[in-house]
Amino acid sequence: STAYTIREALKKCPELLVIPPHYDDYIYYTTKIKDIYREYTDQVESF
């Protein structure tokens, strides 16, 4: 589950591949998605 420590996660699944976050990518693509929303309305509230 989200918020598990890495230790807890690897105990449940030793072969789990853990990759570091790439926030620039996440911000880029989530912004592009919200830009699609804004094509239809200016009332878009991020959460």
ModelCIF file with pLDDT and N, C-alpha, C, O atoms, coordinates in Angstrom:
data_MODEL
#
_entry.id   MODEL 
#
_entity.id                         1 
_entity.type                       polymer 
_entity.pdbx_number_of_molecules   1 
#
_entity_poly.entity_id                      1 
_entity_poly.type                           'polypeptide(L)' 
_entity_poly.nstd_linkage                   no 
_entity_poly.nstd_monomer                   no 
_entity_poly.pdbx_seq_one_letter_code       STAYTIREALKKCPELLVIPPHYDDYIYYTTKIKDIYREYTDQVESF 
_entity_poly.pdbx_seq_one_letter_code_can   STAYTIREALKKCPELLVIPPHYDDYIYYTTKIKDIYREYTDQVESF 
_entity_poly.pdbx_strand_id                 A 
#
loop_
_entity_poly_seq.entity_id 
_entity_poly_seq.num 
_entity_poly_seq.mon_id 
_entity_poly_seq.hetero 
1 1  SER n 
1 2  THR n 
1 3  ALA n 
1 4  TYR n 
1 5  THR n 
1 6  ILE n 
1 7  ARG n 
1 8  GLU n 
1 9  ALA n 
1 10 LEU n 
1 11 LYS n 
1 12 LYS n 
1 13 CYS n 
1 14 PRO n 
1 15 GLU n 
1 16 LEU n 
1 17 LEU n 
1 18 VAL n 
1 19 ILE n 
1 20 PRO n 
1 21 PRO n 
1 22 HIS n 
1 23 TYR n 
1 24 ASP n 
1 25 ASP n 
1 26 TYR n 
1 27 ILE n 
1 28 TYR n 
1 29 TYR n 
1 30 THR n 
1 31 THR n 
1 32 LYS n 
1 33 ILE n 
1 34 LYS n 
1 35 ASP n 
1 36 ILE n 
1 37 TYR n 
1 38 ARG n 
1 39 GLU n 
1 40 TYR n 
1 41 THR n 
1 42 ASP n 
1 43 GLN n 
1 44 VAL n 
1 45 GLU n 
1 46 SER n 
1 47 PHE n 
#
_struct_asym.id          A 
_struct_asym.entity_id   1 
#
loop_
_ma_qa_metric.id 
_ma_qa_metric.mode 
_ma_qa_metric.name 
_ma_qa_metric.software_group_id 
_ma_qa_metric.type 
1 global pLDDT . pLDDT 
2 local  pLDDT . pLDDT 
#
_ma_qa_metric_global.metric_id      1 
_ma_qa_metric_global.metric_value   91.51 
_ma_qa_metric_global.model_id       1 
_ma_qa_metric_global.ordinal_id     1 
#
loop_
_ma_qa_metric_local.label_asym_id 
_ma_qa_metric_local.label_comp_id 
_ma_qa_metric_local.label_seq_id 
_ma_qa_metric_local.metric_id 
_ma_qa_metric_local.metric_value 
_ma_qa_metric_local.model_id 
_ma_qa_metric_local.ordinal_id 
A SER 1  2 87.00 1 1  
A THR 2  2 82.00 1 2  
A ALA 3  2 77.00 1 3  
A TYR 4  2 84.00 1 4  
A THR 5  2 83.00 1 5  
A ILE 6  2 87.00 1 6  
A ARG 7  2 86.00 1 7  
A GLU 8  2 88.00 1 8  
A ALA 9  2 91.00 1 9  
A LEU 10 2 92.00 1 10 
A LYS 11 2 93.00 1 11 
A LYS 12 2 94.00 1 12 
A CYS 13 2 95.00 1 13 
A PRO 14 2 94.00 1 14 
A GLU 15 2 95.00 1 15 
A LEU 16 2 95.00 1 16 
A LEU 17 2 95.00 1 17 
A VAL 18 2 93.00 1 18 
A ILE 19 2 92.00 1 19 
A PRO 20 2 90.00 1 20 
A PRO 21 2 89.00 1 21 
A HIS 22 2 90.00 1 22 
A TYR 23 2 86.00 1 23 
A ASP 24 2 87.00 1 24 
A ASP 25 2 92.00 1 25 
A TYR 26 2 92.00 1 26 
A ILE 27 2 89.00 1 27 
A TYR 28 2 94.00 1 28 
A TYR 29 2 95.00 1 29 
A THR 30 2 94.00 1 30 
A THR 31 2 93.00 1 31 
A LYS 32 2 96.00 1 32 
A ILE 33 2 97.00 1 33 
A LYS 34 2 95.00 1 34 
A ASP 35 2 95.00 1 35 
A ILE 36 2 97.00 1 36 
A TYR 37 2 97.00 1 37 
A ARG 38 2 95.00 1 38 
A GLU 39 2 96.00 1 39 
A TYR 40 2 97.00 1 40 
A THR 41 2 95.00 1 41 
A ASP 42 2 93.00 1 42 
A GLN 43 2 94.00 1 43 
A VAL 44 2 94.00 1 44 
A GLU 45 2 92.00 1 45 
A SER 46 2 88.00 1 46 
A PHE 47 2 86.00 1 47 
#
loop_
_atom_site.group_PDB 
_atom_site.id 
_atom_site.type_symbol 
_atom_site.label_atom_id 
_atom_site.label_alt_id 
_atom_site.label_comp_id 
_atom_site.label_asym_id 
_atom_site.label_entity_id 
_atom_site.label_seq_id 
_atom_site.pdbx_PDB_ins_code 
_atom_site.Cartn_x 
_atom_site.Cartn_y 
_atom_site.Cartn_z 
_atom_site.occupancy 
_atom_site.B_iso_or_equiv 
_atom_site.pdbx_formal_charge 
_atom_site.auth_seq_id 
_atom_site.auth_comp_id 
_atom_site.auth_asym_id 
_atom_site.auth_atom_id 
_atom_site.pdbx_PDB_model_num 
ATOM 1   N N  . SER A 1 1  ? 0.829   -1.196  0.000   1.00 87.00 ? 1  SER A N  1 
ATOM 2   C CA . SER A 1 1  ? 0.000   0.000   0.000   1.00 87.00 ? 1  SER A CA 1 
ATOM 3   C C  . SER A 1 1  ? 0.867   1.251   0.000   1.00 87.00 ? 1  SER A C  1 
ATOM 4   O O  . SER A 1 1  ? 2.021   1.229   0.430   1.00 87.00 ? 1  SER A O  1 
ATOM 5   N N  . THR A 1 2  ? 0.289   2.337   -0.490  1.00 82.00 ? 2  THR A N  1 
ATOM 6   C CA . THR A 1 2  ? 0.945   3.621   -0.414  1.00 82.00 ? 2  THR A CA 1 
ATOM 7   C C  . THR A 1 2  ? 1.232   3.971   1.046   1.00 82.00 ? 2  THR A C  1 
ATOM 8   O O  . THR A 1 2  ? 0.418   3.703   1.930   1.00 82.00 ? 2  THR A O  1 
ATOM 9   N N  . ALA A 1 3  ? 2.399   4.572   1.287   1.00 77.00 ? 3  ALA A N  1 
ATOM 10  C CA . ALA A 1 3  ? 2.884   4.982   2.617   1.00 77.00 ? 3  ALA A CA 1 
ATOM 11  C C  . ALA A 1 3  ? 3.550   3.845   3.381   1.00 77.00 ? 3  ALA A C  1 
ATOM 12  O O  . ALA A 1 3  ? 4.034   4.067   4.490   1.00 77.00 ? 3  ALA A O  1 
ATOM 13  N N  . TYR A 1 4  ? 3.594   2.609   2.816   1.00 84.00 ? 4  TYR A N  1 
ATOM 14  C CA . TYR A 1 4  ? 4.441   1.576   3.407   1.00 84.00 ? 4  TYR A CA 1 
ATOM 15  C C  . TYR A 1 4  ? 5.885   2.053   3.378   1.00 84.00 ? 4  TYR A C  1 
ATOM 16  O O  . TYR A 1 4  ? 6.284   2.770   2.461   1.00 84.00 ? 4  TYR A O  1 
ATOM 17  N N  . THR A 1 5  ? 6.661   1.664   4.362   1.00 83.00 ? 5  THR A N  1 
ATOM 18  C CA . THR A 1 5  ? 8.091   1.907   4.272   1.00 83.00 ? 5  THR A CA 1 
ATOM 19  C C  . THR A 1 5  ? 8.676   0.943   3.236   1.00 83.00 ? 5  THR A C  1 
ATOM 20  O O  . THR A 1 5  ? 8.081   -0.089  2.924   1.00 83.00 ? 5  THR A O  1 
ATOM 21  N N  . ILE A 1 6  ? 9.843   1.295   2.716   1.00 87.00 ? 6  ILE A N  1 
ATOM 22  C CA . ILE A 1 6  ? 10.495  0.416   1.747   1.00 87.00 ? 6  ILE A CA 1 
ATOM 23  C C  . ILE A 1 6  ? 10.763  -0.951  2.372   1.00 87.00 ? 6  ILE A C  1 
ATOM 24  O O  . ILE A 1 6  ? 10.600  -1.980  1.715   1.00 87.00 ? 6  ILE A O  1 
ATOM 25  N N  . ARG A 1 7  ? 11.171  -0.962  3.638   1.00 86.00 ? 7  ARG A N  1 
ATOM 26  C CA . ARG A 1 7  ? 11.425  -2.231  4.326   1.00 86.00 ? 7  ARG A CA 1 
ATOM 27  C C  . ARG A 1 7  ? 10.169  -3.106  4.342   1.00 86.00 ? 7  ARG A C  1 
ATOM 28  O O  . ARG A 1 7  ? 10.229  -4.295  4.030   1.00 86.00 ? 7  ARG A O  1 
ATOM 29  N N  . GLU A 1 8  ? 9.031   -2.508  4.708   1.00 88.00 ? 8  GLU A N  1 
ATOM 30  C CA . GLU A 1 8  ? 7.780   -3.270  4.781   1.00 88.00 ? 8  GLU A CA 1 
ATOM 31  C C  . GLU A 1 8  ? 7.396   -3.810  3.402   1.00 88.00 ? 8  GLU A C  1 
ATOM 32  O O  . GLU A 1 8  ? 6.966   -4.957  3.279   1.00 88.00 ? 8  GLU A O  1 
ATOM 33  N N  . ALA A 1 9  ? 7.552   -2.984  2.370   1.00 91.00 ? 9  ALA A N  1 
ATOM 34  C CA . ALA A 1 9  ? 7.175   -3.397  1.026   1.00 91.00 ? 9  ALA A CA 1 
ATOM 35  C C  . ALA A 1 9  ? 8.050   -4.547  0.535   1.00 91.00 ? 9  ALA A C  1 
ATOM 36  O O  . ALA A 1 9  ? 7.546   -5.496  -0.066  1.00 91.00 ? 9  ALA A O  1 
ATOM 37  N N  . LEU A 1 10 ? 9.365   -4.470  0.787   1.00 92.00 ? 10 LEU A N  1 
ATOM 38  C CA . LEU A 1 10 ? 10.268  -5.520  0.316   1.00 92.00 ? 10 LEU A CA 1 
ATOM 39  C C  . LEU A 1 10 ? 10.071  -6.826  1.081   1.00 92.00 ? 10 LEU A C  1 
ATOM 40  O O  . LEU A 1 10 ? 10.366  -7.894  0.544   1.00 92.00 ? 10 LEU A O  1 
ATOM 41  N N  . LYS A 1 11 ? 9.585   -6.770  2.306   1.00 93.00 ? 11 LYS A N  1 
ATOM 42  C CA . LYS A 1 11 ? 9.253   -7.998  3.027   1.00 93.00 ? 11 LYS A CA 1 
ATOM 43  C C  . LYS A 1 11 ? 8.096   -8.720  2.352   1.00 93.00 ? 11 LYS A C  1 
ATOM 44  O O  . LYS A 1 11 ? 8.086   -9.949  2.279   1.00 93.00 ? 11 LYS A O  1 
ATOM 45  N N  . LYS A 1 12 ? 7.126   -7.966  1.861   1.00 94.00 ? 12 LYS A N  1 
ATOM 46  C CA . LYS A 1 12 ? 5.972   -8.574  1.204   1.00 94.00 ? 12 LYS A CA 1 
ATOM 47  C C  . LYS A 1 12 ? 6.305   -9.032  -0.208  1.00 94.00 ? 12 LYS A C  1 
ATOM 48  O O  . LYS A 1 12 ? 5.750   -10.014 -0.701  1.00 94.00 ? 12 LYS A O  1 
ATOM 49  N N  . CYS A 1 13 ? 7.217   -8.310  -0.853  1.00 95.00 ? 13 CYS A N  1 
ATOM 50  C CA . CYS A 1 13 ? 7.566   -8.646  -2.238  1.00 95.00 ? 13 CYS A CA 1 
ATOM 51  C C  . CYS A 1 13 ? 9.055   -8.372  -2.444  1.00 95.00 ? 13 CYS A C  1 
ATOM 52  O O  . CYS A 1 13 ? 9.431   -7.273  -2.850  1.00 95.00 ? 13 CYS A O  1 
ATOM 53  N N  . PRO A 1 14 ? 9.907   -9.368  -2.166  1.00 94.00 ? 14 PRO A N  1 
ATOM 54  C CA . PRO A 1 14 ? 11.363  -9.163  -2.277  1.00 94.00 ? 14 PRO A CA 1 
ATOM 55  C C  . PRO A 1 14 ? 11.812  -8.743  -3.672  1.00 94.00 ? 14 PRO A C  1 
ATOM 56  O O  . PRO A 1 14 ? 12.834  -8.071  -3.814  1.00 94.00 ? 14 PRO A O  1 
ATOM 57  N N  . GLU A 1 15 ? 11.063  -9.131  -4.702  1.00 95.00 ? 15 GLU A N  1 
ATOM 58  C CA . GLU A 1 15 ? 11.462  -8.771  -6.061  1.00 95.00 ? 15 GLU A CA 1 
ATOM 59  C C  . GLU A 1 15 ? 10.888  -7.427  -6.504  1.00 95.00 ? 15 GLU A C  1 
ATOM 60  O O  . GLU A 1 15 ? 11.002  -7.065  -7.675  1.00 95.00 ? 15 GLU A O  1 
ATOM 61  N N  . LEU A 1 16 ? 10.276  -6.686  -5.587  1.00 95.00 ? 16 LEU A N  1 
ATOM 62  C CA . LEU A 1 16 ? 9.702   -5.389  -5.918  1.00 95.00 ? 16 LEU A CA 1 
ATOM 63  C C  . LEU A 1 16 ? 10.774  -4.454  -6.488  1.00 95.00 ? 16 LEU A C  1 
ATOM 64  O O  . LEU A 1 16 ? 11.844  -4.296  -5.901  1.00 95.00 ? 16 LEU A O  1 
ATOM 65  N N  . LEU A 1 17 ? 10.481  -3.844  -7.622  1.00 95.00 ? 17 LEU A N  1 
ATOM 66  C CA . LEU A 1 17 ? 11.372  -2.854  -8.219  1.00 95.00 ? 17 LEU A CA 1 
ATOM 67  C C  . LEU A 1 17 ? 10.949  -1.477  -7.714  1.00 95.00 ? 17 LEU A C  1 
ATOM 68  O O  . LEU A 1 17 ? 9.844   -1.017  -8.005  1.00 95.00 ? 17 LEU A O  1 
ATOM 69  N N  . VAL A 1 18 ? 11.826  -0.822  -6.961  1.00 93.00 ? 18 VAL A N  1 
ATOM 70  C CA . VAL A 1 18 ? 11.542  0.505   -6.420  1.00 93.00 ? 18 VAL A CA 1 
ATOM 71  C C  . VAL A 1 18 ? 12.340  1.527   -7.219  1.00 93.00 ? 18 VAL A C  1 
ATOM 72  O O  . VAL A 1 18 ? 13.569  1.470   -7.269  1.00 93.00 ? 18 VAL A O  1 
ATOM 73  N N  . ILE A 1 19 ? 11.632  2.457   -7.839  1.00 92.00 ? 19 ILE A N  1 
ATOM 74  C CA . ILE A 1 19 ? 12.314  3.464   -8.643  1.00 92.00 ? 19 ILE A CA 1 
ATOM 75  C C  . ILE A 1 19 ? 12.119  4.837   -7.998  1.00 92.00 ? 19 ILE A C  1 
ATOM 76  O O  . ILE A 1 19 ? 11.078  5.089   -7.392  1.00 92.00 ? 19 ILE A O  1 
ATOM 77  N N  . PRO A 1 20 ? 13.092  5.713   -8.119  1.00 90.00 ? 20 PRO A N  1 
ATOM 78  C CA . PRO A 1 20 ? 12.970  7.043   -7.502  1.00 90.00 ? 20 PRO A CA 1 
ATOM 79  C C  . PRO A 1 20 ? 11.945  7.893   -8.245  1.00 90.00 ? 20 PRO A C  1 
ATOM 80  O O  . PRO A 1 20 ? 11.726  7.696   -9.440  1.00 90.00 ? 20 PRO A O  1 
ATOM 81  N N  . PRO A 1 21 ? 11.318  8.832   -7.547  1.00 89.00 ? 21 PRO A N  1 
ATOM 82  C CA . PRO A 1 21 ? 10.333  9.689   -8.207  1.00 89.00 ? 21 PRO A CA 1 
ATOM 83  C C  . PRO A 1 21 ? 10.981  10.670  -9.164  1.00 89.00 ? 21 PRO A C  1 
ATOM 84  O O  . PRO A 1 21 ? 12.099  11.133  -8.936  1.00 89.00 ? 21 PRO A O  1 
ATOM 85  N N  . HIS A 1 22 ? 10.268  10.983  -10.235 1.00 90.00 ? 22 HIS A N  1 
ATOM 86  C CA . HIS A 1 22 ? 10.725  11.961  -11.223 1.00 90.00 ? 22 HIS A CA 1 
ATOM 87  C C  . HIS A 1 22 ? 9.665   13.060  -11.291 1.00 90.00 ? 22 HIS A C  1 
ATOM 88  O O  . HIS A 1 22 ? 8.789   13.044  -12.155 1.00 90.00 ? 22 HIS A O  1 
ATOM 89  N N  . TYR A 1 23 ? 9.761   14.008  -10.370 1.00 86.00 ? 23 TYR A N  1 
ATOM 90  C CA . TYR A 1 23 ? 8.686   14.979  -10.200 1.00 86.00 ? 23 TYR A CA 1 
ATOM 91  C C  . TYR A 1 23 ? 8.510   15.892  -11.397 1.00 86.00 ? 23 TYR A C  1 
ATOM 92  O O  . TYR A 1 23 ? 7.395   16.341  -11.665 1.00 86.00 ? 23 TYR A O  1 
ATOM 93  N N  . ASP A 1 24 ? 9.574   16.178  -12.121 1.00 87.00 ? 24 ASP A N  1 
ATOM 94  C CA . ASP A 1 24 ? 9.424   17.016  -13.313 1.00 87.00 ? 24 ASP A CA 1 
ATOM 95  C C  . ASP A 1 24 ? 8.486   16.357  -14.313 1.00 87.00 ? 24 ASP A C  1 
ATOM 96  O O  . ASP A 1 24 ? 7.656   17.030  -14.926 1.00 87.00 ? 24 ASP A O  1 
ATOM 97  N N  . ASP A 1 25 ? 8.613   15.036  -14.483 1.00 92.00 ? 25 ASP A N  1 
ATOM 98  C CA . ASP A 1 25 ? 7.709   14.318  -15.383 1.00 92.00 ? 25 ASP A CA 1 
ATOM 99  C C  . ASP A 1 25 ? 6.280   14.352  -14.860 1.00 92.00 ? 25 ASP A C  1 
ATOM 100 O O  . ASP A 1 25 ? 5.343   14.565  -15.629 1.00 92.00 ? 25 ASP A O  1 
ATOM 101 N N  . TYR A 1 26 ? 6.106   14.146  -13.559 1.00 92.00 ? 26 TYR A N  1 
ATOM 102 C CA . TYR A 1 26 ? 4.755   14.090  -12.997 1.00 92.00 ? 26 TYR A CA 1 
ATOM 103 C C  . TYR A 1 26 ? 4.061   15.445  -13.128 1.00 92.00 ? 26 TYR A C  1 
ATOM 104 O O  . TYR A 1 26 ? 2.878   15.517  -13.461 1.00 92.00 ? 26 TYR A O  1 
ATOM 105 N N  . ILE A 1 27 ? 4.805   16.510  -12.863 1.00 89.00 ? 27 ILE A N  1 
ATOM 106 C CA . ILE A 1 27 ? 4.221   17.847  -12.979 1.00 89.00 ? 27 ILE A CA 1 
ATOM 107 C C  . ILE A 1 27 ? 3.885   18.148  -14.443 1.00 89.00 ? 27 ILE A C  1 
ATOM 108 O O  . ILE A 1 27 ? 2.842   18.729  -14.742 1.00 89.00 ? 27 ILE A O  1 
ATOM 109 N N  . TYR A 1 28 ? 4.780   17.747  -15.346 1.00 94.00 ? 28 TYR A N  1 
ATOM 110 C CA . TYR A 1 28 ? 4.567   18.023  -16.767 1.00 94.00 ? 28 TYR A CA 1 
ATOM 111 C C  . TYR A 1 28 ? 3.288   17.347  -17.278 1.00 94.00 ? 28 TYR A C  1 
ATOM 112 O O  . TYR A 1 28 ? 2.449   17.996  -17.903 1.00 94.00 ? 28 TYR A O  1 
ATOM 113 N N  . TYR A 1 29 ? 3.144   16.059  -17.016 1.00 95.00 ? 29 TYR A N  1 
ATOM 114 C CA . TYR A 1 29 ? 1.998   15.337  -17.579 1.00 95.00 ? 29 TYR A CA 1 
ATOM 115 C C  . TYR A 1 29 ? 0.694   15.659  -16.857 1.00 95.00 ? 29 TYR A C  1 
ATOM 116 O O  . TYR A 1 29 ? -0.354  15.722  -17.500 1.00 95.00 ? 29 TYR A O  1 
ATOM 117 N N  . THR A 1 30 ? 0.727   15.863  -15.553 1.00 94.00 ? 30 THR A N  1 
ATOM 118 C CA . THR A 1 30 ? -0.514  16.235  -14.870 1.00 94.00 ? 30 THR A CA 1 
ATOM 119 C C  . THR A 1 30 ? -0.965  17.633  -15.289 1.00 94.00 ? 30 THR A C  1 
ATOM 120 O O  . THR A 1 30 ? -2.163  17.914  -15.336 1.00 94.00 ? 30 THR A O  1 
ATOM 121 N N  . THR A 1 31 ? -0.001  18.513  -15.594 1.00 93.00 ? 31 THR A N  1 
ATOM 122 C CA . THR A 1 31 ? -0.368  19.840  -16.094 1.00 93.00 ? 31 THR A CA 1 
ATOM 123 C C  . THR A 1 31 ? -1.001  19.740  -17.474 1.00 93.00 ? 31 THR A C  1 
ATOM 124 O O  . THR A 1 31 ? -1.982  20.427  -17.757 1.00 93.00 ? 31 THR A O  1 
ATOM 125 N N  . LYS A 1 32 ? -0.443  18.884  -18.340 1.00 96.00 ? 32 LYS A N  1 
ATOM 126 C CA . LYS A 1 32 ? -1.035  18.696  -19.672 1.00 96.00 ? 32 LYS A CA 1 
ATOM 127 C C  . LYS A 1 32 ? -2.464  18.159  -19.576 1.00 96.00 ? 32 LYS A C  1 
ATOM 128 O O  . LYS A 1 32 ? -3.332  18.556  -20.352 1.00 96.00 ? 32 LYS A O  1 
ATOM 129 N N  . ILE A 1 33 ? -2.702  17.262  -18.627 1.00 97.00 ? 33 ILE A N  1 
ATOM 130 C CA . ILE A 1 33 ? -4.050  16.716  -18.445 1.00 97.00 ? 33 ILE A CA 1 
ATOM 131 C C  . ILE A 1 33 ? -5.007  17.816  -17.999 1.00 97.00 ? 33 ILE A C  1 
ATOM 132 O O  . ILE A 1 33 ? -6.116  17.922  -18.521 1.00 97.00 ? 33 ILE A O  1 
ATOM 133 N N  . LYS A 1 34 ? -4.584  18.633  -17.039 1.00 95.00 ? 34 LYS A N  1 
ATOM 134 C CA . LYS A 1 34 ? -5.464  19.707  -16.571 1.00 95.00 ? 34 LYS A CA 1 
ATOM 135 C C  . LYS A 1 34 ? -5.662  20.786  -17.635 1.00 95.00 ? 34 LYS A C  1 
ATOM 136 O O  . LYS A 1 34 ? -6.682  21.474  -17.647 1.00 95.00 ? 34 LYS A O  1 
ATOM 137 N N  . ASP A 1 35 ? -4.678  20.930  -18.531 1.00 95.00 ? 35 ASP A N  1 
ATOM 138 C CA . ASP A 1 35 ? -4.861  21.854  -19.651 1.00 95.00 ? 35 ASP A CA 1 
ATOM 139 C C  . ASP A 1 35 ? -5.998  21.394  -20.559 1.00 95.00 ? 35 ASP A C  1 
ATOM 140 O O  . ASP A 1 35 ? -6.709  22.216  -21.138 1.00 95.00 ? 35 ASP A O  1 
ATOM 141 N N  . ILE A 1 36 ? -6.166  20.077  -20.681 1.00 97.00 ? 36 ILE A N  1 
ATOM 142 C CA . ILE A 1 36 ? -7.314  19.560  -21.450 1.00 97.00 ? 36 ILE A CA 1 
ATOM 143 C C  . ILE A 1 36 ? -8.614  19.949  -20.760 1.00 97.00 ? 36 ILE A C  1 
ATOM 144 O O  . ILE A 1 36 ? -9.561  20.384  -21.416 1.00 97.00 ? 36 ILE A O  1 
ATOM 145 N N  . TYR A 1 37 ? -8.666  19.795  -19.439 1.00 97.00 ? 37 TYR A N  1 
ATOM 146 C CA . TYR A 1 37 ? -9.873  20.191  -18.702 1.00 97.00 ? 37 TYR A CA 1 
ATOM 147 C C  . TYR A 1 37 ? -10.200 21.666  -18.954 1.00 97.00 ? 37 TYR A C  1 
ATOM 148 O O  . TYR A 1 37 ? -11.359 22.037  -19.138 1.00 97.00 ? 37 TYR A O  1 
ATOM 149 N N  . ARG A 1 38 ? -9.151  22.498  -18.957 1.00 95.00 ? 38 ARG A N  1 
ATOM 150 C CA . ARG A 1 38 ? -9.355  23.946  -19.073 1.00 95.00 ? 38 ARG A CA 1 
ATOM 151 C C  . ARG A 1 38 ? -9.769  24.379  -20.478 1.00 95.00 ? 38 ARG A C  1 
ATOM 152 O O  . ARG A 1 38 ? -10.128 25.538  -20.687 1.00 95.00 ? 38 ARG A O  1 
ATOM 153 N N  . GLU A 1 39 ? -9.723  23.463  -21.440 1.00 96.00 ? 39 GLU A N  1 
ATOM 154 C CA . GLU A 1 39 ? -10.254 23.783  -22.762 1.00 96.00 ? 39 GLU A CA 1 
ATOM 155 C C  . GLU A 1 39 ? -11.774 23.883  -22.730 1.00 96.00 ? 39 GLU A C  1 
ATOM 156 O O  . GLU A 1 39 ? -12.375 24.488  -23.617 1.00 96.00 ? 39 GLU A O  1 
ATOM 157 N N  . TYR A 1 40 ? -12.396 23.295  -21.715 1.00 97.00 ? 40 TYR A N  1 
ATOM 158 C CA . TYR A 1 40 ? -13.855 23.249  -21.644 1.00 97.00 ? 40 TYR A CA 1 
ATOM 159 C C  . TYR A 1 40 ? -14.432 24.162  -20.571 1.00 97.00 ? 40 TYR A C  1 
ATOM 160 O O  . TYR A 1 40 ? -15.615 24.500  -20.626 1.00 97.00 ? 40 TYR A O  1 
ATOM 161 N N  . THR A 1 41 ? -13.619 24.571  -19.590 1.00 95.00 ? 41 THR A N  1 
ATOM 162 C CA . THR A 1 41 ? -14.085 25.457  -18.527 1.00 95.00 ? 41 THR A CA 1 
ATOM 163 C C  . THR A 1 41 ? -12.874 26.050  -17.808 1.00 95.00 ? 41 THR A C  1 
ATOM 164 O O  . THR A 1 41 ? -11.807 25.441  -17.739 1.00 95.00 ? 41 THR A O  1 
ATOM 165 N N  . ASP A 1 42 ? -13.072 27.246  -17.281 1.00 93.00 ? 42 ASP A N  1 
ATOM 166 C CA . ASP A 1 42 ? -12.009 27.829  -16.455 1.00 93.00 ? 42 ASP A CA 1 
ATOM 167 C C  . ASP A 1 42 ? -12.187 27.458  -14.985 1.00 93.00 ? 42 ASP A C  1 
ATOM 168 O O  . ASP A 1 42 ? -11.389 27.863  -14.140 1.00 93.00 ? 42 ASP A O  1 
ATOM 169 N N  . GLN A 1 43 ? -13.230 26.689  -14.679 1.00 94.00 ? 43 GLN A N  1 
ATOM 170 C CA . GLN A 1 43 ? -13.490 26.279  -13.297 1.00 94.00 ? 43 GLN A CA 1 
ATOM 171 C C  . GLN A 1 43 ? -12.867 24.907  -13.042 1.00 94.00 ? 43 GLN A C  1 
ATOM 172 O O  . GLN A 1 43 ? -13.557 23.887  -13.046 1.00 94.00 ? 43 GLN A O  1 
ATOM 173 N N  . VAL A 1 44 ? -11.560 24.899  -12.823 1.00 94.00 ? 44 VAL A N  1 
ATOM 174 C CA . VAL A 1 44 ? -10.806 23.680  -12.537 1.00 94.00 ? 44 VAL A CA 1 
ATOM 175 C C  . VAL A 1 44 ? -10.045 23.908  -11.236 1.00 94.00 ? 44 VAL A C  1 
ATOM 176 O O  . VAL A 1 44 ? -9.231  24.827  -11.142 1.00 94.00 ? 44 VAL A O  1 
ATOM 177 N N  . GLU A 1 45 ? -10.303 23.087  -10.249 1.00 92.00 ? 45 GLU A N  1 
ATOM 178 C CA . GLU A 1 45 ? -9.660  23.218  -8.937  1.00 92.00 ? 45 GLU A CA 1 
ATOM 179 C C  . GLU A 1 45 ? -8.770  22.004  -8.686  1.00 92.00 ? 45 GLU A C  1 
ATOM 180 O O  . GLU A 1 45 ? -9.265  20.883  -8.565  1.00 92.00 ? 45 GLU A O  1 
ATOM 181 N N  . SER A 1 46 ? -7.484  22.222  -8.609  1.00 88.00 ? 46 SER A N  1 
ATOM 182 C CA . SER A 1 46 ? -6.552  21.125  -8.350  1.00 88.00 ? 46 SER A CA 1 
ATOM 183 C C  . SER A 1 46 ? -6.699  20.628  -6.916  1.00 88.00 ? 46 SER A C  1 
ATOM 184 O O  . SER A 1 46 ? -6.957  21.398  -5.990  1.00 88.00 ? 46 SER A O  1 
ATOM 185 N N  . PHE A 1 47 ? -6.526  19.325  -6.763  1.00 86.00 ? 47 PHE A N  1 
ATOM 186 C CA . PHE A 1 47 ? -6.497  18.702  -5.432  1.00 86.00 ? 47 PHE A CA 1 
ATOM 187 C C  . PHE A 1 47 ? -5.261  17.813  -5.422  1.00 86.00 ? 47 PHE A C  1 
ATOM 188 O O  . PHE A 1 47 ? -4.980  17.157  -4.419  1.00 86.00 ? 47 PHE A O  1 
#
